[in-house]
N, C-alpha and C. Protein backbone atom coordinates (compact mmCIF):
# COMPACT_ATOMS: atom_id res chain seq x y z
N MET A 1 28.07 59.79 5.92
CA MET A 1 28.23 58.49 6.86
C MET A 1 29.47 57.67 7.43
N ASN A 2 29.01 57.08 8.22
CA ASN A 2 30.36 57.01 9.52
C ASN A 2 30.61 55.56 9.15
N VAL A 3 31.48 55.11 9.59
CA VAL A 3 32.22 53.75 9.22
C VAL A 3 30.81 52.46 9.57
N GLN A 4 29.72 53.22 10.71
CA GLN A 4 28.88 51.22 11.11
C GLN A 4 27.82 52.10 9.87
N ASP A 5 27.41 52.77 9.63
CA ASP A 5 26.11 52.63 8.19
C ASP A 5 27.07 52.22 7.72
N LYS A 6 28.88 52.20 6.66
CA LYS A 6 29.10 51.65 5.14
C LYS A 6 28.80 50.16 5.57
N ARG A 7 29.10 49.32 6.71
CA ARG A 7 29.73 48.31 7.23
C ARG A 7 27.81 47.42 6.80
N ARG A 8 26.81 48.30 7.51
CA ARG A 8 25.42 47.90 7.35
C ARG A 8 24.89 47.84 6.39
N ILE A 9 25.76 48.62 5.03
CA ILE A 9 25.26 49.11 4.22
C ILE A 9 25.87 47.60 3.18
N LEU A 10 27.37 47.06 3.52
CA LEU A 10 28.23 45.94 3.10
C LEU A 10 27.72 44.53 3.37
N MET A 11 27.52 45.31 4.86
CA MET A 11 26.66 43.56 5.15
C MET A 11 24.80 43.58 4.74
N THR A 12 24.74 44.48 4.00
CA THR A 12 22.88 43.80 3.43
C THR A 12 23.28 43.25 2.32
N LEU A 13 24.07 44.03 1.78
CA LEU A 13 24.42 43.90 0.09
C LEU A 13 24.96 41.83 0.48
N ILE A 14 25.46 41.65 1.17
CA ILE A 14 26.11 40.14 1.00
C ILE A 14 25.00 39.30 1.17
N LEU A 15 24.34 40.10 2.37
CA LEU A 15 23.24 39.08 2.33
C LEU A 15 21.98 38.58 1.52
N VAL A 16 21.43 40.10 0.68
CA VAL A 16 21.34 39.97 -1.02
C VAL A 16 21.80 39.19 -1.41
N GLY A 17 23.06 39.34 -0.95
CA GLY A 17 23.79 38.55 -2.77
C GLY A 17 23.91 36.91 -2.34
N VAL A 18 23.62 36.50 -1.16
CA VAL A 18 24.04 35.47 -0.73
C VAL A 18 22.25 34.85 -0.61
N ILE A 19 21.35 35.60 -0.21
CA ILE A 19 19.74 35.25 -0.33
C ILE A 19 19.45 35.11 -1.88
N CYS A 20 20.28 35.84 -3.11
CA CYS A 20 19.95 35.67 -4.33
C CYS A 20 21.12 34.66 -5.07
N ILE A 21 21.97 34.20 -4.76
CA ILE A 21 22.16 33.12 -5.69
C ILE A 21 21.72 31.90 -4.03
N ALA A 22 21.68 31.64 -3.23
CA ALA A 22 20.89 30.59 -2.53
C ALA A 22 19.52 30.40 -2.94
N MET A 23 18.80 31.78 -3.54
CA MET A 23 17.63 31.53 -4.58
C MET A 23 17.69 30.44 -6.43
N VAL A 24 18.86 30.97 -6.78
CA VAL A 24 18.98 30.95 -7.86
C VAL A 24 19.68 29.20 -7.81
N VAL A 25 19.83 28.50 -6.47
CA VAL A 25 20.58 27.43 -6.86
C VAL A 25 19.07 25.94 -6.11
N LEU A 26 18.40 27.15 -5.49
CA LEU A 26 17.16 26.64 -5.43
C LEU A 26 16.14 26.28 -6.36
N THR A 27 16.18 27.13 -7.27
CA THR A 27 15.40 26.93 -8.73
C THR A 27 16.06 26.18 -9.64
N ALA A 28 17.39 25.87 -9.35
CA ALA A 28 17.73 25.25 -10.20
C ALA A 28 17.68 23.26 -9.77
N TYR A 29 17.71 23.69 -8.67
CA TYR A 29 17.30 22.28 -8.12
C TYR A 29 15.90 21.86 -7.90
N ALA A 30 15.15 22.89 -7.96
CA ALA A 30 13.29 22.56 -8.76
C ALA A 30 12.93 22.08 -10.13
N ALA A 31 13.90 22.74 -11.06
CA ALA A 31 13.96 22.83 -12.27
C ALA A 31 14.55 21.17 -12.40
N GLU A 32 15.28 20.64 -11.77
CA GLU A 32 15.78 19.51 -11.90
C GLU A 32 15.47 18.83 -11.52
N LEU A 33 13.92 18.63 -10.32
CA LEU A 33 13.70 17.74 -9.89
C LEU A 33 12.38 17.20 -10.67
N ARG A 34 12.01 18.37 -11.48
CA ARG A 34 10.44 18.48 -12.39
C ARG A 34 11.11 17.65 -13.48
N VAL A 35 12.49 17.43 -14.57
CA VAL A 35 12.68 16.93 -15.42
C VAL A 35 12.85 15.32 -14.76
N GLU A 36 12.51 14.95 -13.39
CA GLU A 36 13.45 13.83 -12.88
C GLU A 36 11.74 13.47 -13.20
N ASN A 37 11.03 14.05 -12.10
CA ASN A 37 9.71 14.09 -12.04
C ASN A 37 9.10 13.44 -13.20
N ASN A 38 9.25 14.01 -14.27
CA ASN A 38 8.72 14.03 -15.40
C ASN A 38 8.51 12.63 -16.46
N ASN A 39 9.84 12.55 -16.22
CA ASN A 39 10.65 11.34 -16.99
C ASN A 39 10.42 10.30 -15.43
N LEU A 40 9.71 9.68 -14.97
CA LEU A 40 9.26 8.78 -14.20
C LEU A 40 7.80 8.66 -14.64
N ILE A 41 6.40 9.83 -14.85
CA ILE A 41 5.89 9.60 -15.35
C ILE A 41 5.45 9.06 -16.55
N ASP A 42 6.36 10.04 -17.32
CA ASP A 42 6.64 9.26 -18.93
C ASP A 42 7.02 7.36 -18.45
N LYS A 43 8.32 7.32 -17.97
CA LYS A 43 7.72 5.98 -17.87
C LYS A 43 7.03 5.23 -17.21
N ASN A 44 6.64 5.50 -16.40
CA ASN A 44 4.69 4.78 -15.51
C ASN A 44 3.43 4.79 -16.64
N LYS A 45 3.42 6.04 -17.55
CA LYS A 45 2.74 5.86 -17.95
C LYS A 45 2.82 4.40 -19.63
N ALA A 46 4.44 4.48 -19.93
CA ALA A 46 4.76 3.22 -20.84
C ALA A 46 4.18 2.14 -20.08
N LEU A 47 4.71 1.96 -18.54
CA LEU A 47 5.16 0.62 -18.11
C LEU A 47 3.06 0.22 -17.80
N GLN A 48 2.49 1.46 -18.18
CA GLN A 48 1.35 1.07 -17.44
C GLN A 48 0.27 0.78 -19.22
N GLY A 49 0.70 1.59 -20.31
CA GLY A 49 0.62 0.26 -21.48
C GLY A 49 0.65 -0.81 -20.92
N GLU A 50 1.85 -1.30 -21.18
CA GLU A 50 2.48 -2.52 -21.44
C GLU A 50 2.00 -3.43 -20.33
N VAL A 51 1.02 -2.93 -19.13
CA VAL A 51 1.01 -3.39 -18.03
C VAL A 51 -0.87 -3.69 -18.71
N GLU A 52 -1.25 -3.44 -19.50
CA GLU A 52 -2.34 -3.16 -20.14
C GLU A 52 -2.56 -4.31 -21.33
N THR A 53 -1.86 -4.19 -21.64
CA THR A 53 -1.25 -5.09 -23.65
C THR A 53 -1.34 -6.80 -22.20
N LEU A 54 0.32 -6.64 -21.74
CA LEU A 54 -0.15 -7.83 -20.41
C LEU A 54 -1.98 -8.53 -20.44
N SER A 55 -2.27 -8.42 -20.31
CA SER A 55 -3.60 -7.98 -19.63
C SER A 55 -4.56 -9.14 -20.88
N VAL A 56 -4.48 -7.92 -21.71
CA VAL A 56 -5.19 -8.80 -22.95
C VAL A 56 -4.49 -10.18 -23.55
N GLN A 57 -3.54 -10.07 -23.57
CA GLN A 57 -2.78 -11.32 -23.69
C GLN A 57 -3.04 -12.53 -22.54
N ILE A 58 -3.34 -12.25 -21.55
CA ILE A 58 -3.56 -13.16 -20.50
C ILE A 58 -4.80 -13.69 -20.49
N LYS A 59 -5.90 -12.83 -20.77
CA LYS A 59 -7.08 -13.70 -20.91
C LYS A 59 -7.37 -13.97 -22.00
N THR A 60 -6.71 -13.71 -23.49
CA THR A 60 -6.33 -14.37 -24.80
C THR A 60 -6.04 -15.62 -24.27
N ALA A 61 -5.06 -15.49 -24.32
CA ALA A 61 -3.83 -16.87 -23.77
C ALA A 61 -5.40 -17.99 -22.94
N ASN A 62 -6.04 -17.49 -21.87
CA ASN A 62 -6.75 -18.17 -21.11
C ASN A 62 -7.69 -18.61 -22.00
N ASN A 63 -8.02 -18.13 -22.84
CA ASN A 63 -9.21 -18.40 -23.30
C ASN A 63 -9.88 -19.77 -23.69
N ILE A 64 -10.55 -20.81 -23.36
CA ILE A 64 -10.65 -22.24 -23.77
C ILE A 64 -10.83 -22.22 -25.32
N ASP A 65 -10.79 -21.25 -25.86
CA ASP A 65 -10.94 -21.83 -27.50
C ASP A 65 -9.61 -21.71 -28.02
N HIS A 66 -8.83 -20.68 -27.43
CA HIS A 66 -7.46 -20.73 -27.78
C HIS A 66 -6.40 -21.67 -27.29
N ILE A 67 -6.36 -22.35 -25.93
CA ILE A 67 -6.37 -23.85 -25.24
C ILE A 67 -6.70 -24.48 -26.36
N GLU A 68 -7.85 -25.07 -26.48
CA GLU A 68 -8.33 -25.93 -27.48
C GLU A 68 -7.31 -26.26 -29.00
N SER A 69 -6.92 -24.62 -29.36
CA SER A 69 -6.55 -24.63 -30.54
C SER A 69 -4.96 -24.71 -30.62
N VAL A 70 -4.50 -24.74 -29.66
CA VAL A 70 -3.39 -24.62 -29.52
C VAL A 70 -2.89 -26.27 -29.04
N ALA A 71 -3.65 -26.93 -28.43
CA ALA A 71 -3.22 -28.60 -28.10
C ALA A 71 -3.87 -29.00 -29.06
N LYS A 72 -4.86 -28.91 -30.34
CA LYS A 72 -5.11 -29.53 -31.28
C LYS A 72 -3.96 -28.78 -32.75
N ASN A 73 -3.53 -28.25 -32.64
CA ASN A 73 -2.92 -27.52 -33.98
C ASN A 73 -1.70 -27.26 -33.63
N LYS A 74 -1.11 -27.24 -32.65
CA LYS A 74 0.55 -27.36 -31.98
C LYS A 74 1.28 -28.32 -31.96
N LEU A 75 -0.07 -29.24 -30.85
CA LEU A 75 0.78 -29.85 -30.04
C LEU A 75 0.02 -31.47 -30.62
N GLY A 76 -0.84 -31.52 -31.21
CA GLY A 76 -1.13 -32.77 -32.36
C GLY A 76 -2.26 -33.60 -31.41
N MET A 77 -2.92 -33.02 -30.06
CA MET A 77 -3.77 -32.94 -29.30
C MET A 77 -5.35 -33.68 -29.82
N VAL A 78 -6.00 -35.06 -29.12
CA VAL A 78 -7.38 -34.87 -29.79
C VAL A 78 -8.13 -35.45 -28.78
N TYR A 79 -9.52 -34.82 -28.98
CA TYR A 79 -10.01 -36.08 -27.51
C TYR A 79 -9.95 -37.45 -28.06
N PRO A 80 -10.36 -38.58 -26.83
CA PRO A 80 -9.99 -39.53 -27.08
C PRO A 80 -11.26 -39.93 -27.33
N THR A 81 -12.26 -41.47 -27.96
CA THR A 81 -13.13 -42.07 -28.21
C THR A 81 -13.50 -42.79 -27.53
N SER A 82 -14.21 -43.31 -26.55
CA SER A 82 -14.52 -44.07 -25.43
C SER A 82 -13.79 -45.07 -25.72
N ASP A 83 -13.71 -46.10 -27.23
CA ASP A 83 -12.73 -46.88 -27.41
C ASP A 83 -11.60 -47.12 -27.27
N GLU A 84 -10.99 -45.87 -27.04
CA GLU A 84 -9.43 -45.27 -26.72
C GLU A 84 -8.58 -45.46 -25.21
N CYS A 85 -10.41 -45.61 -24.77
CA CYS A 85 -10.25 -45.50 -22.84
C CYS A 85 -9.50 -46.76 -22.24
N VAL A 86 -8.73 -47.04 -21.70
CA VAL A 86 -8.75 -47.93 -20.61
C VAL A 86 -9.05 -47.37 -19.14
N TYR A 87 -9.42 -48.94 -18.77
CA TYR A 87 -10.29 -48.52 -17.42
C TYR A 87 -9.53 -50.15 -16.85
N ILE A 88 -9.13 -49.26 -15.37
CA ILE A 88 -8.65 -50.69 -14.97
C ILE A 88 -9.12 -51.66 -14.29
N THR A 89 -10.34 -51.68 -13.76
CA THR A 89 -11.58 -52.21 -13.52
C THR A 89 -12.59 -52.07 -14.34
N ASP A 90 -13.87 -52.89 -14.28
CA ASP A 90 -14.86 -52.79 -14.92
C ASP A 90 -15.85 -51.67 -13.94
N ASN A 91 -15.78 -51.50 -12.91
CA ASN A 91 -16.24 -50.12 -12.02
C ASN A 91 -15.82 -49.04 -12.42
N ASP A 92 -14.47 -49.05 -12.84
CA ASP A 92 -13.97 -47.30 -13.34
C ASP A 92 -14.73 -46.92 -15.08
N LYS A 93 -15.25 -47.99 -15.30
CA LYS A 93 -15.60 -47.34 -16.26
C LYS A 93 -17.16 -46.26 -16.50
N ALA A 94 -17.13 -45.29 -17.50
CA ALA A 94 -17.83 -44.20 -17.37
C ALA A 94 -18.82 -44.87 -18.17
N ASN A 95 -20.13 -44.08 -18.20
CA ASN A 95 -21.36 -44.79 -18.46
C ASN A 95 -21.43 -43.99 -19.53
N SER A 96 -20.88 -42.16 -19.97
CA SER A 96 -20.40 -41.71 -21.42
C SER A 96 -18.80 -41.16 -21.99
N ASN A 97 -18.88 -40.70 -22.75
CA ASN A 97 -17.75 -41.08 -22.95
C ASN A 97 -17.34 -39.50 -22.15
N LEU A 98 -15.47 -39.89 -21.92
CA LEU A 98 -15.40 -39.17 -21.05
C LEU A 98 -14.69 -37.80 -21.48
N ALA A 99 -14.73 -37.65 -23.07
CA ALA A 99 -14.30 -36.52 -23.80
C ALA A 99 -15.18 -35.76 -23.39
N THR A 100 -16.49 -36.33 -24.20
CA THR A 100 -17.86 -35.37 -24.27
C THR A 100 -17.99 -34.59 -22.59
N VAL A 101 -17.70 -35.52 -22.03
CA VAL A 101 -18.59 -34.91 -20.19
C VAL A 101 -17.40 -33.86 -20.33
N ILE A 102 -15.77 -34.13 -20.07
CA ILE A 102 -14.57 -33.14 -20.22
C ILE A 102 -15.30 -31.68 -21.44
N ARG A 103 -15.65 -31.89 -22.26
CA ARG A 103 -16.25 -30.90 -23.64
C ARG A 103 -17.13 -30.11 -23.34
N LYS A 104 -17.81 -30.42 -22.40
CA LYS A 104 -19.30 -30.21 -22.19
C LYS A 104 -19.31 -29.21 -20.55
N GLU A 105 -18.61 -29.83 -20.08
CA GLU A 105 -18.27 -28.44 -18.66
C GLU A 105 -17.34 -27.37 -19.16
N ALA A 106 -16.46 -27.72 -20.00
CA ALA A 106 -15.91 -26.80 -19.97
C ALA A 106 -16.51 -25.65 -20.68
N TYR A 107 -16.96 -26.24 -21.57
CA TYR A 107 -17.80 -24.82 -21.97
C TYR A 107 -19.82 -23.96 -21.62
N ASN A 108 -19.57 -24.82 -20.42
CA ASN A 108 -20.87 -24.33 -19.69
C ASN A 108 -20.00 -23.64 -18.67
């Protein structure tokens, strides 16, 4: 074996070593990316669950029965009777009870 053959063998070994080290580093980086990706997927699932919960809460809060219940029970609001309404002129006076008309429109 001459000097040139020894150099080729040494260079080949160095090249193989560098390739192996690069593969280890790239594999470690890929594993790190997988862990980060899995964490993001878990966070996304949790946020999706929150979004669905909030959607249900919004639909419940926008329900006319719920709004009326909160207005009556928490705020003490009641529908006015026809003699509790004040009209500026006689032309403004409604033919029927305004609260009844509003209630009918809300539930239809």
